[in-house]
N, C-alpha and C. Protein backbone atom coordinates (compact mmCIF):
# COMPACT_ATOMS: atom_id res chain seq x y z
N ALA A 1 4.75 -7.20 -1.78
CA ALA A 1 4.39 -6.16 -0.83
C ALA A 1 5.58 -5.84 0.07
N TYR A 2 6.33 -6.87 0.46
CA TYR A 2 7.47 -6.65 1.34
C TYR A 2 8.56 -5.84 0.63
N ALA A 3 8.86 -6.20 -0.60
CA ALA A 3 9.90 -5.51 -1.36
C ALA A 3 9.48 -4.07 -1.67
N GLN A 4 8.25 -3.89 -2.07
CA GLN A 4 7.77 -2.54 -2.38
C GLN A 4 7.78 -1.66 -1.14
N GLN A 5 7.46 -2.23 0.00
CA GLN A 5 7.50 -1.46 1.25
C GLN A 5 8.92 -1.01 1.54
N GLY A 6 9.90 -1.87 1.34
CA GLY A 6 11.29 -1.51 1.56
C GLY A 6 11.75 -0.39 0.63
N LEU A 7 11.35 -0.47 -0.63
CA LEU A 7 11.71 0.57 -1.59
C LEU A 7 11.09 1.91 -1.23
N LEU A 8 9.84 1.89 -0.80
CA LEU A 8 9.16 3.14 -0.43
C LEU A 8 9.75 3.74 0.83
N LEU A 9 10.14 2.92 1.78
CA LEU A 9 10.79 3.43 2.99
C LEU A 9 12.12 4.10 2.65
N ALA A 10 12.87 3.50 1.73
CA ALA A 10 14.14 4.09 1.30
C ALA A 10 13.89 5.41 0.56
N ALA A 11 12.89 5.45 -0.30
CA ALA A 11 12.58 6.68 -1.03
C ALA A 11 12.13 7.78 -0.06
N LYS A 12 11.35 7.39 0.95
CA LYS A 12 10.90 8.36 1.95
C LYS A 12 12.08 8.98 2.69
N ALA A 13 13.09 8.18 2.98
CA ALA A 13 14.27 8.67 3.69
C ALA A 13 15.16 9.52 2.79
N ASP A 14 15.21 9.20 1.50
CA ASP A 14 16.15 9.86 0.59
C ASP A 14 15.63 11.15 -0.05
N PHE A 15 14.31 11.28 -0.19
CA PHE A 15 13.77 12.41 -0.93
C PHE A 15 12.98 13.34 -0.01
N PRO A 16 13.49 14.54 0.24
CA PRO A 16 12.81 15.49 1.14
C PRO A 16 11.41 15.86 0.69
N ALA A 17 11.14 15.83 -0.61
CA ALA A 17 9.81 16.19 -1.12
C ALA A 17 8.74 15.22 -0.62
N LEU A 18 9.15 14.00 -0.27
CA LEU A 18 8.20 13.00 0.22
C LEU A 18 7.96 13.11 1.72
N GLN A 19 8.61 14.04 2.36
CA GLN A 19 8.54 14.13 3.82
C GLN A 19 7.69 15.30 4.29
N GLN A 20 6.78 15.77 3.43
CA GLN A 20 5.95 16.90 3.84
C GLN A 20 4.59 16.87 3.16
N GLY A 21 3.62 17.46 3.82
CA GLY A 21 2.30 17.69 3.26
C GLY A 21 1.52 16.45 2.87
N LYS A 22 0.75 16.62 1.79
CA LYS A 22 -0.14 15.56 1.32
C LYS A 22 0.64 14.37 0.79
N ALA A 23 1.83 14.62 0.24
CA ALA A 23 2.65 13.52 -0.28
C ALA A 23 3.04 12.57 0.85
N LEU A 24 3.40 13.13 2.01
CA LEU A 24 3.77 12.31 3.16
C LEU A 24 2.58 11.48 3.65
N ALA A 25 1.41 12.10 3.72
CA ALA A 25 0.22 11.39 4.17
C ALA A 25 -0.13 10.24 3.22
N ALA A 26 -0.04 10.50 1.92
CA ALA A 26 -0.35 9.45 0.94
C ALA A 26 0.69 8.33 0.98
N LEU A 27 1.96 8.70 1.14
CA LEU A 27 3.01 7.69 1.21
C LEU A 27 2.86 6.84 2.47
N ASP A 28 2.53 7.46 3.58
CA ASP A 28 2.31 6.71 4.82
C ASP A 28 1.12 5.76 4.69
N ALA A 29 0.08 6.19 3.98
CA ALA A 29 -1.08 5.32 3.75
C ALA A 29 -0.68 4.12 2.90
N ALA A 30 0.15 4.34 1.88
CA ALA A 30 0.61 3.24 1.04
C ALA A 30 1.46 2.27 1.85
N LEU A 31 2.34 2.80 2.69
CA LEU A 31 3.18 1.94 3.53
C LEU A 31 2.34 1.12 4.50
N LYS A 32 1.30 1.73 5.05
CA LYS A 32 0.41 1.01 5.97
C LYS A 32 -0.31 -0.13 5.25
N SER A 33 -0.80 0.14 4.04
CA SER A 33 -1.49 -0.90 3.27
C SER A 33 -0.55 -2.05 2.94
N LEU A 34 0.68 -1.73 2.58
CA LEU A 34 1.65 -2.78 2.26
C LEU A 34 2.01 -3.59 3.49
N GLU A 35 2.09 -2.93 4.63
CA GLU A 35 2.37 -3.66 5.87
C GLU A 35 1.22 -4.59 6.23
N GLU A 36 -0.01 -4.12 6.06
CA GLU A 36 -1.17 -4.96 6.35
C GLU A 36 -1.28 -6.12 5.36
N GLY A 37 -0.71 -5.96 4.17
CA GLY A 37 -0.75 -7.01 3.16
C GLY A 37 0.19 -8.16 3.44
N GLN A 38 1.01 -8.03 4.46
CA GLN A 38 1.96 -9.09 4.80
C GLN A 38 1.40 -9.98 5.91
N PHE A 39 0.29 -10.60 5.62
CA PHE A 39 -0.35 -11.46 6.61
C PHE A 39 -0.08 -12.93 6.27
N GLU A 40 -0.14 -13.75 7.26
CA GLU A 40 0.03 -15.18 7.07
C GLU A 40 -1.27 -15.87 7.46
N PRO A 41 -2.07 -16.23 6.48
CA PRO A 41 -3.37 -16.84 6.80
C PRO A 41 -3.20 -18.22 7.43
N TRP A 42 -4.12 -18.54 8.31
CA TRP A 42 -4.10 -19.87 8.92
C TRP A 42 -4.50 -20.92 7.90
N VAL A 43 -5.46 -20.54 7.06
CA VAL A 43 -5.97 -21.45 6.04
C VAL A 43 -6.09 -20.66 4.73
N VAL A 44 -5.64 -21.25 3.64
CA VAL A 44 -5.80 -20.62 2.33
C VAL A 44 -7.03 -21.25 1.69
N THR A 45 -8.01 -20.40 1.37
CA THR A 45 -9.27 -20.90 0.82
C THR A 45 -9.43 -20.40 -0.61
N ASN A 46 -10.45 -20.89 -1.26
CA ASN A 46 -10.71 -20.51 -2.64
C ASN A 46 -12.16 -20.09 -2.81
N GLY A 47 -12.67 -19.31 -1.86
CA GLY A 47 -14.05 -18.84 -1.94
C GLY A 47 -14.17 -17.60 -2.80
N THR A 48 -15.39 -17.13 -2.98
CA THR A 48 -15.59 -15.90 -3.75
C THR A 48 -15.28 -14.70 -2.87
N LYS A 49 -15.17 -13.51 -3.50
CA LYS A 49 -14.82 -12.30 -2.77
C LYS A 49 -15.80 -11.97 -1.65
N SER A 50 -17.06 -12.23 -1.86
CA SER A 50 -18.07 -11.85 -0.88
C SER A 50 -18.35 -12.94 0.15
N SER A 51 -17.72 -14.08 0.01
CA SER A 51 -18.01 -15.17 0.94
C SER A 51 -17.24 -15.01 2.24
N LEU A 52 -17.63 -15.78 3.22
CA LEU A 52 -16.94 -15.79 4.50
C LEU A 52 -15.52 -16.30 4.33
N LEU A 53 -15.29 -17.17 3.38
CA LEU A 53 -13.97 -17.75 3.14
C LEU A 53 -13.38 -17.21 1.84
N ALA A 54 -13.22 -15.90 1.76
CA ALA A 54 -12.64 -15.29 0.57
C ALA A 54 -11.22 -15.80 0.37
N ASN A 55 -10.81 -15.89 -0.89
CA ASN A 55 -9.50 -16.49 -1.12
C ASN A 55 -8.36 -15.52 -0.83
N HIS A 56 -7.21 -16.10 -0.58
CA HIS A 56 -6.02 -15.37 -0.16
C HIS A 56 -5.61 -14.31 -1.18
N SER A 57 -5.60 -14.65 -2.45
CA SER A 57 -5.15 -13.70 -3.47
C SER A 57 -6.08 -12.50 -3.57
N SER A 58 -7.37 -12.69 -3.33
CA SER A 58 -8.30 -11.56 -3.35
C SER A 58 -8.03 -10.61 -2.19
N ARG A 59 -7.73 -11.15 -1.04
CA ARG A 59 -7.40 -10.30 0.11
C ARG A 59 -6.12 -9.53 -0.13
N LEU A 60 -5.11 -10.19 -0.65
CA LEU A 60 -3.84 -9.53 -0.93
C LEU A 60 -4.01 -8.47 -2.01
N ARG A 61 -4.80 -8.77 -3.03
CA ARG A 61 -5.04 -7.81 -4.10
C ARG A 61 -5.68 -6.53 -3.56
N ALA A 62 -6.54 -6.64 -2.57
CA ALA A 62 -7.18 -5.47 -1.98
C ALA A 62 -6.14 -4.57 -1.31
N PHE A 63 -5.20 -5.14 -0.58
CA PHE A 63 -4.15 -4.33 0.06
C PHE A 63 -3.25 -3.68 -0.98
N LEU A 64 -2.89 -4.41 -2.02
CA LEU A 64 -2.03 -3.86 -3.06
C LEU A 64 -2.73 -2.76 -3.84
N GLU A 65 -4.02 -2.91 -4.07
CA GLU A 65 -4.79 -1.87 -4.77
C GLU A 65 -4.88 -0.61 -3.92
N GLU A 66 -5.07 -0.77 -2.62
CA GLU A 66 -5.07 0.37 -1.70
C GLU A 66 -3.75 1.11 -1.76
N ALA A 67 -2.66 0.37 -1.75
CA ALA A 67 -1.32 0.97 -1.81
C ALA A 67 -1.13 1.69 -3.14
N ARG A 68 -1.58 1.08 -4.23
CA ARG A 68 -1.45 1.71 -5.54
C ARG A 68 -2.19 3.03 -5.60
N LEU A 69 -3.41 3.05 -5.09
CA LEU A 69 -4.19 4.29 -5.09
C LEU A 69 -3.53 5.37 -4.23
N SER A 70 -2.95 4.97 -3.13
CA SER A 70 -2.24 5.93 -2.28
C SER A 70 -1.02 6.49 -2.99
N LEU A 71 -0.33 5.66 -3.76
CA LEU A 71 0.84 6.14 -4.50
C LEU A 71 0.43 7.07 -5.64
N VAL A 72 -0.72 6.83 -6.25
CA VAL A 72 -1.23 7.75 -7.27
C VAL A 72 -1.53 9.10 -6.62
N ALA A 73 -2.11 9.08 -5.43
CA ALA A 73 -2.39 10.32 -4.70
C ALA A 73 -1.09 11.04 -4.32
N CYS A 74 -0.08 10.28 -3.95
CA CYS A 74 1.24 10.84 -3.60
C CYS A 74 1.84 11.53 -4.84
N ALA A 75 1.81 10.87 -5.98
CA ALA A 75 2.35 11.45 -7.21
C ALA A 75 1.59 12.71 -7.58
N SER A 76 0.29 12.69 -7.43
CA SER A 76 -0.53 13.87 -7.71
C SER A 76 -0.16 15.03 -6.80
N ALA A 77 0.06 14.72 -5.51
CA ALA A 77 0.45 15.76 -4.56
C ALA A 77 1.81 16.34 -4.90
N LEU A 78 2.72 15.49 -5.35
CA LEU A 78 4.05 15.98 -5.74
C LEU A 78 3.99 16.86 -6.98
N ARG A 79 3.13 16.48 -7.94
CA ARG A 79 2.97 17.29 -9.14
C ARG A 79 2.39 18.66 -8.84
N SER A 80 1.47 18.70 -7.87
CA SER A 80 0.83 19.97 -7.55
C SER A 80 1.66 20.81 -6.57
N GLY A 81 2.78 20.26 -6.11
CA GLY A 81 3.68 21.02 -5.27
C GLY A 81 3.45 20.89 -3.79
N GLY A 82 2.72 19.90 -3.37
CA GLY A 82 2.51 19.82 -1.93
C GLY A 82 2.11 18.48 -1.51
């Protein structure tokens, strides 16, 4: 998540097409998800997804999936021209 966030920040700075419209909103959403995915849990547990003690990898996977969906939306916005 940390490395991908760095790459996306660099792409945002280098490519003007990513700095406008729906592409910018989607890219910012992906960056936010990746930033939220950089958490340091107090305790690493191995519970199920729906339990109070959901495991660390399931929580991280949720943030990465959110970022992936935002990047798909960003690519779609770029293809449609906005």
